[in-house]
N, C-alpha and C. Protein backbone atom coordinates (compact mmCIF):
# COMPACT_ATOMS: atom_id res chain seq x y z
N MET A 1 -8.60 9.54 21.67
CA MET A 1 -9.62 9.15 20.70
C MET A 1 -9.61 10.15 19.54
N PHE A 2 -9.81 9.62 18.33
CA PHE A 2 -9.77 10.45 17.13
C PHE A 2 -11.02 10.18 16.28
N SER A 3 -11.18 10.98 15.23
CA SER A 3 -12.36 10.84 14.38
C SER A 3 -12.03 10.36 12.97
N GLY A 4 -10.74 10.33 12.63
CA GLY A 4 -10.36 9.92 11.29
C GLY A 4 -10.46 11.03 10.27
N ILE A 5 -10.61 12.27 10.73
CA ILE A 5 -10.63 13.42 9.84
C ILE A 5 -9.25 14.07 9.88
N VAL A 6 -8.45 13.79 8.87
CA VAL A 6 -7.06 14.25 8.83
C VAL A 6 -7.00 15.76 8.67
N GLU A 7 -6.18 16.39 9.50
CA GLU A 7 -6.03 17.85 9.43
C GLU A 7 -5.00 18.27 8.39
N GLU A 8 -3.95 17.47 8.29
CA GLU A 8 -2.85 17.86 7.40
C GLU A 8 -1.93 16.67 7.18
N ALA A 9 -1.29 16.63 6.03
CA ALA A 9 -0.24 15.63 5.77
C ALA A 9 1.10 16.32 6.02
N ALA A 10 1.74 15.97 7.13
CA ALA A 10 3.00 16.62 7.53
C ALA A 10 4.17 16.02 6.77
N LYS A 11 5.17 16.83 6.56
CA LYS A 11 6.37 16.38 5.85
C LYS A 11 7.40 15.85 6.85
N VAL A 12 7.91 14.66 6.60
CA VAL A 12 8.96 14.09 7.44
C VAL A 12 10.29 14.76 7.11
N LEU A 13 10.92 15.35 8.13
CA LEU A 13 12.18 16.06 7.93
C LEU A 13 13.39 15.22 8.31
N ASN A 14 13.25 14.45 9.39
CA ASN A 14 14.41 13.70 9.87
C ASN A 14 13.97 12.45 10.63
N LEU A 15 14.74 11.40 10.46
CA LEU A 15 14.50 10.14 11.16
C LEU A 15 15.79 9.74 11.87
N GLU A 16 15.69 9.52 13.17
CA GLU A 16 16.88 9.20 13.95
C GLU A 16 16.65 7.95 14.79
N ARG A 17 17.46 6.95 14.57
CA ARG A 17 17.36 5.70 15.33
C ARG A 17 18.09 5.85 16.66
N ASP A 18 17.48 5.35 17.72
CA ASP A 18 18.08 5.32 19.05
C ASP A 18 17.75 3.97 19.65
N LYS A 19 18.64 3.01 19.43
CA LYS A 19 18.41 1.62 19.83
C LYS A 19 17.13 1.14 19.16
N GLY A 20 16.12 0.75 19.97
CA GLY A 20 14.88 0.25 19.38
C GLY A 20 13.86 1.32 19.07
N ASN A 21 14.21 2.56 19.29
CA ASN A 21 13.28 3.66 19.07
C ASN A 21 13.59 4.41 17.78
N LEU A 22 12.58 5.04 17.22
CA LEU A 22 12.76 5.90 16.06
C LEU A 22 12.18 7.27 16.38
N HIS A 23 13.05 8.29 16.36
CA HIS A 23 12.61 9.67 16.58
C HIS A 23 12.27 10.28 15.23
N ILE A 24 11.05 10.77 15.09
CA ILE A 24 10.55 11.29 13.82
C ILE A 24 10.29 12.78 13.97
N THR A 25 10.98 13.60 13.18
CA THR A 25 10.77 15.03 13.19
C THR A 25 9.98 15.43 11.95
N MET A 26 8.92 16.20 12.16
CA MET A 26 8.04 16.59 11.06
C MET A 26 7.77 18.08 11.07
N GLU A 27 7.26 18.53 9.95
CA GLU A 27 6.91 19.94 9.79
C GLU A 27 5.44 20.03 9.43
N CYS A 28 4.70 20.86 10.18
CA CYS A 28 3.28 21.05 9.85
C CYS A 28 2.85 22.45 10.28
N SER A 29 1.75 22.92 9.72
CA SER A 29 1.31 24.30 9.92
C SER A 29 0.87 24.58 11.35
N PHE A 30 0.39 23.56 12.07
CA PHE A 30 -0.10 23.81 13.44
C PHE A 30 0.87 23.31 14.51
N ALA A 31 2.12 23.10 14.14
CA ALA A 31 3.11 22.64 15.12
C ALA A 31 3.26 23.62 16.28
N ASP A 32 3.08 24.90 16.01
CA ASP A 32 3.21 25.90 17.07
C ASP A 32 2.06 25.84 18.07
N GLN A 33 1.03 25.07 17.76
CA GLN A 33 -0.10 24.90 18.68
C GLN A 33 0.03 23.63 19.52
N LEU A 34 1.02 22.81 19.20
CA LEU A 34 1.20 21.55 19.91
C LEU A 34 1.97 21.78 21.20
N LYS A 35 1.85 20.83 22.11
CA LYS A 35 2.61 20.89 23.35
C LYS A 35 3.14 19.49 23.68
N ILE A 36 4.22 19.47 24.41
CA ILE A 36 4.82 18.20 24.80
C ILE A 36 3.84 17.38 25.64
N ASP A 37 3.79 16.07 25.40
CA ASP A 37 2.89 15.11 26.04
C ASP A 37 1.54 15.02 25.37
N GLN A 38 1.32 15.82 24.32
CA GLN A 38 0.04 15.78 23.62
C GLN A 38 -0.02 14.56 22.69
N SER A 39 -1.18 13.95 22.60
CA SER A 39 -1.37 12.81 21.71
C SER A 39 -1.81 13.28 20.33
N VAL A 40 -1.13 12.77 19.31
CA VAL A 40 -1.46 13.11 17.93
C VAL A 40 -1.47 11.82 17.12
N CYS A 41 -2.42 11.69 16.22
CA CYS A 41 -2.53 10.50 15.38
C CYS A 41 -1.65 10.67 14.14
N HIS A 42 -0.75 9.70 13.90
CA HIS A 42 0.18 9.73 12.77
C HIS A 42 -0.06 8.52 11.89
N ASN A 43 -0.64 8.71 10.71
CA ASN A 43 -0.99 7.58 9.84
C ASN A 43 -1.82 6.55 10.59
N GLY A 44 -2.66 7.04 11.51
CA GLY A 44 -3.50 6.14 12.28
C GLY A 44 -2.88 5.64 13.56
N VAL A 45 -1.65 6.07 13.88
CA VAL A 45 -0.95 5.62 15.09
C VAL A 45 -0.92 6.76 16.11
N CYS A 46 -1.41 6.50 17.30
CA CYS A 46 -1.38 7.51 18.36
C CYS A 46 0.02 7.58 18.95
N LEU A 47 0.66 8.73 18.82
CA LEU A 47 2.00 8.94 19.36
C LEU A 47 2.03 10.22 20.19
N THR A 48 2.98 10.28 21.11
CA THR A 48 3.11 11.42 22.02
C THR A 48 4.14 12.42 21.50
N VAL A 49 3.78 13.68 21.50
CA VAL A 49 4.71 14.74 21.12
C VAL A 49 5.79 14.86 22.18
N VAL A 50 7.05 14.78 21.76
CA VAL A 50 8.16 14.84 22.73
C VAL A 50 9.01 16.10 22.56
N GLN A 51 8.84 16.80 21.45
CA GLN A 51 9.62 18.01 21.21
C GLN A 51 8.87 18.92 20.26
N VAL A 52 8.93 20.23 20.51
CA VAL A 52 8.26 21.21 19.66
C VAL A 52 9.19 22.38 19.41
N ASP A 53 9.31 22.78 18.15
CA ASP A 53 10.04 23.99 17.79
C ASP A 53 9.03 24.90 17.09
N LYS A 54 8.41 25.78 17.88
CA LYS A 54 7.32 26.61 17.36
C LYS A 54 7.78 27.56 16.27
N SER A 55 9.00 28.07 16.37
CA SER A 55 9.49 29.04 15.39
C SER A 55 9.67 28.42 14.01
N LYS A 56 10.00 27.11 13.98
CA LYS A 56 10.22 26.42 12.72
C LYS A 56 9.01 25.59 12.28
N LYS A 57 7.95 25.63 13.09
CA LYS A 57 6.75 24.82 12.82
C LYS A 57 7.10 23.34 12.70
N GLN A 58 7.93 22.88 13.64
CA GLN A 58 8.38 21.48 13.64
C GLN A 58 8.09 20.83 14.99
N PHE A 59 7.91 19.51 14.98
CA PHE A 59 7.74 18.77 16.21
C PHE A 59 8.27 17.36 16.02
N ALA A 60 8.45 16.67 17.11
CA ALA A 60 9.00 15.31 17.05
C ALA A 60 8.21 14.36 17.92
N VAL A 61 8.16 13.10 17.49
CA VAL A 61 7.55 12.02 18.25
C VAL A 61 8.50 10.84 18.24
N THR A 62 8.26 9.88 19.12
CA THR A 62 9.10 8.68 19.18
C THR A 62 8.23 7.44 19.04
N ALA A 63 8.63 6.55 18.13
CA ALA A 63 7.94 5.28 17.94
C ALA A 63 8.83 4.16 18.45
N ILE A 64 8.28 3.29 19.29
CA ILE A 64 9.06 2.18 19.82
C ILE A 64 9.11 1.04 18.79
N GLN A 65 9.94 0.04 19.04
CA GLN A 65 10.15 -1.02 18.07
C GLN A 65 8.86 -1.79 17.76
N GLU A 66 8.03 -2.03 18.77
CA GLU A 66 6.78 -2.75 18.53
C GLU A 66 5.89 -2.00 17.55
N THR A 67 5.85 -0.68 17.69
CA THR A 67 5.07 0.14 16.76
C THR A 67 5.65 0.06 15.36
N LEU A 68 6.96 0.09 15.25
CA LEU A 68 7.61 0.00 13.95
C LEU A 68 7.36 -1.35 13.30
N ASP A 69 7.28 -2.40 14.11
CA ASP A 69 7.06 -3.75 13.58
C ASP A 69 5.63 -3.95 13.09
N LYS A 70 4.68 -3.27 13.73
CA LYS A 70 3.27 -3.53 13.45
C LYS A 70 2.59 -2.48 12.58
N THR A 71 3.32 -1.42 12.22
CA THR A 71 2.73 -0.35 11.40
C THR A 71 3.68 -0.03 10.24
N ASN A 72 3.28 0.96 9.45
CA ASN A 72 4.13 1.37 8.33
C ASN A 72 5.10 2.48 8.69
N LEU A 73 5.16 2.87 9.96
CA LEU A 73 6.06 3.96 10.34
C LEU A 73 7.52 3.58 10.16
N GLY A 74 7.81 2.28 10.22
CA GLY A 74 9.18 1.82 10.01
C GLY A 74 9.66 1.98 8.59
N PHE A 75 8.74 2.23 7.66
CA PHE A 75 9.10 2.41 6.25
C PHE A 75 9.30 3.89 5.88
N LEU A 76 9.06 4.78 6.84
CA LEU A 76 9.16 6.20 6.53
C LEU A 76 10.56 6.61 6.11
N LYS A 77 10.61 7.61 5.24
CA LYS A 77 11.88 8.21 4.85
C LYS A 77 11.66 9.71 4.74
N ALA A 78 12.75 10.47 4.77
CA ALA A 78 12.65 11.93 4.70
C ALA A 78 11.92 12.33 3.42
N GLY A 79 10.99 13.26 3.56
CA GLY A 79 10.21 13.73 2.42
C GLY A 79 8.84 13.10 2.33
N ASP A 80 8.64 11.98 3.02
CA ASP A 80 7.32 11.34 3.02
C ASP A 80 6.31 12.23 3.74
N LYS A 81 5.04 12.00 3.45
CA LYS A 81 3.96 12.72 4.11
C LYS A 81 3.27 11.78 5.11
N VAL A 82 2.93 12.32 6.27
CA VAL A 82 2.27 11.57 7.32
C VAL A 82 0.96 12.26 7.68
N ASN A 83 -0.13 11.51 7.67
CA ASN A 83 -1.44 12.07 8.02
C ASN A 83 -1.50 12.39 9.51
N LEU A 84 -1.92 13.61 9.83
CA LEU A 84 -2.00 14.04 11.23
C LEU A 84 -3.42 14.39 11.63
N GLU A 85 -3.75 14.04 12.86
CA GLU A 85 -5.00 14.48 13.47
C GLU A 85 -4.78 14.62 14.96
N ARG A 86 -5.15 15.78 15.49
CA ARG A 86 -5.10 15.96 16.93
C ARG A 86 -6.29 15.28 17.60
N SER A 87 -6.19 15.03 18.89
CA SER A 87 -7.25 14.32 19.61
C SER A 87 -8.59 15.03 19.48
N MET A 88 -9.63 14.21 19.42
CA MET A 88 -10.98 14.74 19.29
C MET A 88 -11.41 15.43 20.59
N ARG A 89 -12.10 16.53 20.45
CA ARG A 89 -12.64 17.24 21.61
C ARG A 89 -14.02 16.67 21.95
N ILE A 90 -14.33 16.62 23.24
CA ILE A 90 -15.62 16.09 23.69
C ILE A 90 -16.77 16.94 23.15
N ASP A 91 -16.55 18.26 23.03
CA ASP A 91 -17.63 19.16 22.62
C ASP A 91 -17.66 19.40 21.11
N SER A 92 -16.93 18.58 20.35
CA SER A 92 -16.88 18.79 18.90
C SER A 92 -17.77 17.78 18.19
N LEU A 93 -18.09 18.07 16.93
CA LEU A 93 -18.87 17.16 16.12
C LEU A 93 -18.02 15.96 15.71
N LEU A 94 -18.63 14.78 15.67
CA LEU A 94 -17.93 13.57 15.23
C LEU A 94 -18.22 13.40 13.74
N ASP A 95 -17.32 13.92 12.91
CA ASP A 95 -17.53 13.92 11.47
C ASP A 95 -17.14 12.60 10.82
N GLY A 96 -16.23 11.85 11.42
CA GLY A 96 -15.80 10.58 10.83
C GLY A 96 -16.42 9.42 11.59
N HIS A 97 -15.56 8.63 12.26
CA HIS A 97 -16.03 7.58 13.16
C HIS A 97 -15.02 7.44 14.28
N MET A 98 -15.34 6.68 15.29
CA MET A 98 -14.45 6.55 16.44
C MET A 98 -13.18 5.77 16.09
N VAL A 99 -12.05 6.46 16.18
CA VAL A 99 -10.74 5.86 15.87
C VAL A 99 -9.87 5.95 17.12
N GLN A 100 -9.32 4.82 17.53
CA GLN A 100 -8.53 4.79 18.76
C GLN A 100 -7.07 5.17 18.56
N GLY A 101 -6.58 5.04 17.33
CA GLY A 101 -5.16 5.27 17.10
C GLY A 101 -4.34 4.04 17.40
N HIS A 102 -5.00 2.86 17.44
CA HIS A 102 -4.35 1.58 17.68
C HIS A 102 -4.46 0.74 16.42
N VAL A 103 -3.39 0.66 15.67
CA VAL A 103 -3.40 -0.05 14.39
C VAL A 103 -3.58 -1.55 14.60
N ASP A 104 -4.52 -2.14 13.86
CA ASP A 104 -4.77 -3.58 13.96
C ASP A 104 -3.78 -4.37 13.11
N GLN A 105 -3.51 -3.89 11.93
CA GLN A 105 -2.56 -4.54 11.04
C GLN A 105 -2.29 -3.63 9.85
N THR A 106 -1.33 -4.04 9.03
CA THR A 106 -1.07 -3.29 7.80
C THR A 106 -1.72 -4.00 6.62
N ALA A 107 -1.86 -3.27 5.54
CA ALA A 107 -2.41 -3.81 4.30
C ALA A 107 -1.56 -3.29 3.15
N ILE A 108 -1.72 -3.90 1.98
CA ILE A 108 -0.96 -3.50 0.79
C ILE A 108 -1.91 -2.98 -0.27
N CYS A 109 -1.57 -1.85 -0.85
CA CYS A 109 -2.34 -1.31 -1.96
C CYS A 109 -2.07 -2.15 -3.21
N THR A 110 -3.12 -2.73 -3.77
CA THR A 110 -2.96 -3.62 -4.92
C THR A 110 -3.48 -3.03 -6.22
N ASN A 111 -4.26 -1.95 -6.12
CA ASN A 111 -4.78 -1.35 -7.35
C ASN A 111 -5.25 0.07 -7.09
N ILE A 112 -5.01 0.94 -8.05
CA ILE A 112 -5.50 2.32 -8.00
C ILE A 112 -6.20 2.60 -9.32
N LYS A 113 -7.48 2.93 -9.24
CA LYS A 113 -8.27 3.14 -10.45
C LYS A 113 -8.90 4.52 -10.42
N GLU A 114 -8.63 5.32 -11.44
CA GLU A 114 -9.25 6.64 -11.54
C GLU A 114 -10.69 6.47 -12.00
N ALA A 115 -11.58 7.26 -11.38
CA ALA A 115 -13.00 7.14 -11.67
C ALA A 115 -13.62 8.51 -11.86
N ASP A 116 -13.39 9.08 -13.05
CA ASP A 116 -14.01 10.35 -13.43
C ASP A 116 -13.77 11.45 -12.38
N GLY A 117 -12.52 11.63 -12.01
CA GLY A 117 -12.15 12.70 -11.08
C GLY A 117 -11.89 12.24 -9.67
N SER A 118 -12.34 11.06 -9.32
CA SER A 118 -12.05 10.47 -8.01
C SER A 118 -11.22 9.21 -8.24
N TRP A 119 -10.96 8.48 -7.16
CA TRP A 119 -10.13 7.27 -7.27
C TRP A 119 -10.69 6.15 -6.41
N TYR A 120 -10.51 4.92 -6.89
CA TYR A 120 -10.79 3.73 -6.09
C TYR A 120 -9.45 3.07 -5.76
N PHE A 121 -9.20 2.89 -4.46
CA PHE A 121 -7.99 2.22 -4.00
C PHE A 121 -8.38 0.85 -3.45
N THR A 122 -7.67 -0.18 -3.89
CA THR A 122 -7.91 -1.53 -3.41
C THR A 122 -6.78 -1.95 -2.48
N PHE A 123 -7.14 -2.56 -1.35
CA PHE A 123 -6.17 -3.01 -0.36
C PHE A 123 -6.40 -4.48 -0.02
N GLU A 124 -5.31 -5.22 0.13
CA GLU A 124 -5.38 -6.60 0.59
C GLU A 124 -4.86 -6.68 2.02
N TYR A 125 -5.54 -7.49 2.85
CA TYR A 125 -5.16 -7.61 4.26
C TYR A 125 -5.31 -9.05 4.69
N ASN A 126 -4.98 -9.32 5.95
CA ASN A 126 -5.02 -10.67 6.50
C ASN A 126 -6.27 -10.84 7.36
N PRO A 127 -7.33 -11.46 6.83
CA PRO A 127 -8.58 -11.58 7.59
C PRO A 127 -8.56 -12.69 8.62
N THR A 128 -7.50 -13.48 8.69
CA THR A 128 -7.45 -14.60 9.62
C THR A 128 -7.14 -14.14 11.03
N LYS A 129 -6.65 -12.91 11.18
CA LYS A 129 -6.36 -12.41 12.51
C LYS A 129 -7.67 -12.08 13.23
N GLU A 130 -7.66 -12.24 14.53
CA GLU A 130 -8.87 -12.11 15.34
C GLU A 130 -9.55 -10.75 15.18
N ASP A 131 -10.85 -10.80 14.91
CA ASP A 131 -11.72 -9.62 14.85
C ASP A 131 -11.41 -8.68 13.68
N TYR A 132 -10.63 -9.13 12.71
CA TYR A 132 -10.28 -8.25 11.60
C TYR A 132 -11.18 -8.56 10.41
N ILE A 133 -12.22 -7.78 10.25
CA ILE A 133 -13.15 -7.96 9.15
C ILE A 133 -13.54 -6.60 8.58
N THR A 134 -13.97 -6.60 7.33
CA THR A 134 -14.54 -5.39 6.75
C THR A 134 -15.99 -5.67 6.42
N VAL A 135 -16.83 -4.67 6.60
CA VAL A 135 -18.26 -4.79 6.34
C VAL A 135 -18.62 -3.80 5.24
N GLU A 136 -19.36 -4.25 4.25
CA GLU A 136 -19.78 -3.38 3.15
C GLU A 136 -20.49 -2.15 3.71
N LYS A 137 -20.01 -0.98 3.28
CA LYS A 137 -20.52 0.32 3.71
C LYS A 137 -20.20 0.63 5.17
N GLY A 138 -19.37 -0.21 5.78
CA GLY A 138 -18.94 0.06 7.15
C GLY A 138 -17.75 1.01 7.17
N SER A 139 -17.31 1.36 8.37
CA SER A 139 -16.20 2.30 8.52
C SER A 139 -14.88 1.59 8.69
N ILE A 140 -13.83 2.21 8.21
CA ILE A 140 -12.47 1.71 8.40
C ILE A 140 -11.52 2.90 8.38
N SER A 141 -10.43 2.78 9.11
CA SER A 141 -9.39 3.81 9.11
C SER A 141 -8.20 3.31 8.31
N VAL A 142 -7.84 4.04 7.25
CA VAL A 142 -6.68 3.72 6.42
C VAL A 142 -5.68 4.86 6.56
N ASN A 143 -4.53 4.57 7.17
CA ASN A 143 -3.54 5.61 7.47
C ASN A 143 -4.17 6.78 8.23
N GLY A 144 -5.12 6.41 9.12
CA GLY A 144 -5.75 7.43 9.95
C GLY A 144 -6.90 8.17 9.31
N VAL A 145 -7.27 7.80 8.09
CA VAL A 145 -8.36 8.46 7.37
C VAL A 145 -9.64 7.64 7.53
N SER A 146 -10.68 8.26 8.03
CA SER A 146 -11.97 7.59 8.17
C SER A 146 -12.62 7.44 6.80
N LEU A 147 -12.87 6.18 6.40
CA LEU A 147 -13.39 5.90 5.08
C LEU A 147 -14.50 4.86 5.14
N THR A 148 -15.26 4.77 4.06
CA THR A 148 -16.34 3.79 3.94
C THR A 148 -15.88 2.63 3.06
N VAL A 149 -16.08 1.43 3.55
CA VAL A 149 -15.70 0.22 2.81
C VAL A 149 -16.64 -0.01 1.64
N VAL A 150 -16.08 -0.28 0.48
CA VAL A 150 -16.88 -0.71 -0.68
C VAL A 150 -16.23 -1.96 -1.26
N ASN A 151 -17.05 -2.76 -1.91
CA ASN A 151 -16.57 -3.99 -2.57
C ASN A 151 -15.77 -4.85 -1.59
N SER A 152 -16.36 -5.11 -0.42
CA SER A 152 -15.70 -5.92 0.60
C SER A 152 -15.65 -7.39 0.17
N LYS A 153 -14.45 -7.97 0.25
CA LYS A 153 -14.25 -9.38 -0.07
C LYS A 153 -13.52 -10.06 1.09
N ASP A 154 -13.23 -11.35 0.92
CA ASP A 154 -12.61 -12.11 2.01
C ASP A 154 -11.27 -11.54 2.45
N LYS A 155 -10.46 -11.10 1.48
CA LYS A 155 -9.11 -10.64 1.80
C LYS A 155 -8.82 -9.24 1.28
N SER A 156 -9.83 -8.55 0.79
CA SER A 156 -9.58 -7.22 0.23
C SER A 156 -10.82 -6.34 0.35
N PHE A 157 -10.61 -5.07 0.13
CA PHE A 157 -11.71 -4.10 0.10
C PHE A 157 -11.25 -2.89 -0.69
N GLN A 158 -12.19 -2.04 -1.03
CA GLN A 158 -11.88 -0.81 -1.73
C GLN A 158 -12.40 0.37 -0.92
N VAL A 159 -11.81 1.53 -1.18
CA VAL A 159 -12.33 2.80 -0.66
C VAL A 159 -12.33 3.80 -1.82
N ALA A 160 -13.29 4.70 -1.79
CA ALA A 160 -13.37 5.74 -2.80
C ALA A 160 -12.80 7.03 -2.23
N ILE A 161 -11.91 7.66 -2.97
CA ILE A 161 -11.24 8.86 -2.51
C ILE A 161 -11.59 10.04 -3.42
N ILE A 162 -12.17 11.08 -2.83
CA ILE A 162 -12.52 12.28 -3.60
C ILE A 162 -11.29 13.17 -3.70
N PRO A 163 -11.29 14.13 -4.64
CA PRO A 163 -10.11 14.99 -4.83
C PRO A 163 -9.64 15.70 -3.57
N PHE A 164 -10.57 16.17 -2.72
CA PHE A 164 -10.17 16.88 -1.50
C PHE A 164 -9.34 15.97 -0.60
N THR A 165 -9.83 14.75 -0.35
CA THR A 165 -9.11 13.80 0.49
C THR A 165 -7.79 13.41 -0.15
N TYR A 166 -7.79 13.24 -1.45
CA TYR A 166 -6.57 12.88 -2.19
C TYR A 166 -5.49 13.93 -1.99
N ASP A 167 -5.87 15.20 -2.01
CA ASP A 167 -4.90 16.29 -1.89
C ASP A 167 -4.45 16.54 -0.46
N VAL A 168 -5.38 16.46 0.50
CA VAL A 168 -5.08 16.82 1.89
C VAL A 168 -4.33 15.72 2.63
N THR A 169 -4.57 14.47 2.26
CA THR A 169 -3.92 13.34 2.94
C THR A 169 -2.75 12.83 2.10
N ASN A 170 -2.10 11.75 2.58
CA ASN A 170 -0.98 11.20 1.82
C ASN A 170 -1.42 10.16 0.79
N PHE A 171 -2.72 10.09 0.52
CA PHE A 171 -3.19 9.18 -0.54
C PHE A 171 -2.58 9.52 -1.90
N HIS A 172 -2.22 10.78 -2.10
CA HIS A 172 -1.65 11.16 -3.40
C HIS A 172 -0.23 10.60 -3.59
N GLN A 173 0.36 10.05 -2.50
CA GLN A 173 1.68 9.43 -2.62
C GLN A 173 1.59 7.91 -2.78
N PHE A 174 0.38 7.36 -2.69
CA PHE A 174 0.23 5.91 -2.76
C PHE A 174 0.54 5.38 -4.15
N LYS A 175 1.15 4.21 -4.18
CA LYS A 175 1.39 3.46 -5.40
C LYS A 175 1.01 2.01 -5.14
N VAL A 176 0.91 1.22 -6.18
CA VAL A 176 0.70 -0.21 -5.98
C VAL A 176 1.91 -0.75 -5.20
N GLY A 177 1.65 -1.43 -4.10
CA GLY A 177 2.71 -1.92 -3.23
C GLY A 177 2.89 -1.10 -1.97
N THR A 178 2.26 0.07 -1.90
CA THR A 178 2.35 0.90 -0.70
C THR A 178 1.71 0.19 0.49
N VAL A 179 2.41 0.21 1.63
CA VAL A 179 1.91 -0.40 2.85
C VAL A 179 1.16 0.66 3.68
N VAL A 180 -0.04 0.34 4.11
CA VAL A 180 -0.86 1.28 4.88
C VAL A 180 -1.26 0.66 6.21
N ASN A 181 -1.62 1.52 7.15
CA ASN A 181 -2.09 1.08 8.46
C ASN A 181 -3.61 0.98 8.46
N LEU A 182 -4.11 -0.10 9.03
CA LEU A 182 -5.56 -0.29 9.15
C LEU A 182 -5.98 -0.33 10.61
N GLU A 183 -7.07 0.35 10.90
CA GLU A 183 -7.76 0.16 12.17
C GLU A 183 -9.22 -0.13 11.83
N PHE A 184 -9.65 -1.34 12.15
CA PHE A 184 -11.01 -1.74 11.86
C PHE A 184 -11.98 -1.09 12.85
N ASP A 185 -13.22 -0.98 12.45
CA ASP A 185 -14.24 -0.31 13.26
C ASP A 185 -14.34 -0.96 14.64
N ILE A 186 -14.21 -0.17 15.69
CA ILE A 186 -14.17 -0.70 17.06
C ILE A 186 -15.46 -1.42 17.42
N ILE A 187 -16.60 -0.90 16.97
CA ILE A 187 -17.88 -1.55 17.27
C ILE A 187 -17.95 -2.91 16.58
N GLY A 188 -17.51 -2.95 15.32
CA GLY A 188 -17.50 -4.19 14.56
C GLY A 188 -16.61 -5.24 15.22
N LYS A 189 -15.48 -4.81 15.77
CA LYS A 189 -14.56 -5.74 16.43
C LYS A 189 -15.19 -6.35 17.68
N TYR A 190 -15.88 -5.53 18.46
CA TYR A 190 -16.54 -6.04 19.65
C TYR A 190 -17.66 -7.01 19.29
N VAL A 191 -18.46 -6.65 18.28
CA VAL A 191 -19.55 -7.52 17.85
C VAL A 191 -19.00 -8.86 17.37
N ALA A 192 -17.94 -8.82 16.56
CA ALA A 192 -17.34 -10.05 16.03
C ALA A 192 -16.83 -10.93 17.17
N LYS A 193 -16.23 -10.32 18.18
CA LYS A 193 -15.69 -11.09 19.30
C LYS A 193 -16.81 -11.73 20.12
N ILE A 194 -17.88 -10.97 20.36
CA ILE A 194 -19.01 -11.49 21.13
C ILE A 194 -19.66 -12.66 20.41
N VAL A 195 -19.86 -12.51 19.09
CA VAL A 195 -20.48 -13.56 18.30
C VAL A 195 -19.62 -14.81 18.32
N ARG A 196 -18.30 -14.64 18.19
CA ARG A 196 -17.39 -15.77 18.18
C ARG A 196 -17.42 -16.50 19.53
N GLN A 197 -17.51 -15.74 20.61
CA GLN A 197 -17.59 -16.36 21.93
C GLN A 197 -18.90 -17.12 22.11
N GLN A 198 -19.98 -16.57 21.58
CA GLN A 198 -21.27 -17.22 21.68
C GLN A 198 -21.31 -18.53 20.88
N LEU A 199 -20.56 -18.54 19.77
CA LEU A 199 -20.50 -19.73 18.95
C LEU A 199 -19.44 -20.71 19.41
N GLY A 200 -18.70 -20.32 20.42
CA GLY A 200 -17.66 -21.19 20.96
C GLY A 200 -16.44 -21.30 20.09
N LYS A 201 -16.17 -20.24 19.30
CA LYS A 201 -15.01 -20.26 18.40
C LYS A 201 -13.95 -19.30 18.91
C-alpha cells in the first residue's frame, strides 16, 4: 500500500528484454536502502526489487508482459524519469490517499497550461471501463502521484501541479501526447460497484 507521495523521480539507466519480461535498471538516491523482494511503486505500478547495487545507487525491477500492456512502463527508454515511492509504514502519517499500486488504465495528456507559476494538466481516459470515474475534488493517482481532480468531465479531468511537485516528479517531462498511469480512488471504485449492483447494472 502506498500514499501517492513520490519520494524521487529515478533515472532509467537500462532496459533489457527477456522474452515477455522487461528488466528495468534505475538510479536513485535511496537505492542503498532498498532490499531484494521489497515492493516499490514505479509510476503508480507496484513492482518487486530484484537486484540492488548499493555502491552505485542502482536497483532493478522486472515488469511482466501484462504490466507492460496495461501501463506506460512499456514506453520507457533510457534517460526517462520514473516516480518512486516505497511502501507506506503503518505508523506513518497518510499525507496523500490510499494507493494500491494497481493501475486501472492509462490516459493521454491533452493539454498543459501554465497558471501563474503552477500548471494545469488535462488528461483524457476511457470512462466506459468498469468503476473508472473521476469525482470533482476527489483523489486520483497519476503516475503514482496523489492528486486532486478538478474540472471533471465525462472523458477527461485536470490536475493542478505546484512547482515542488513539478520538479520532484516526472511531470516536468510531460508533453501533449504523454501516456500516464491512472489509479482511481479505491473507495470511489467500491462505491460505484455497489451502486451499480443495487441498480442491477
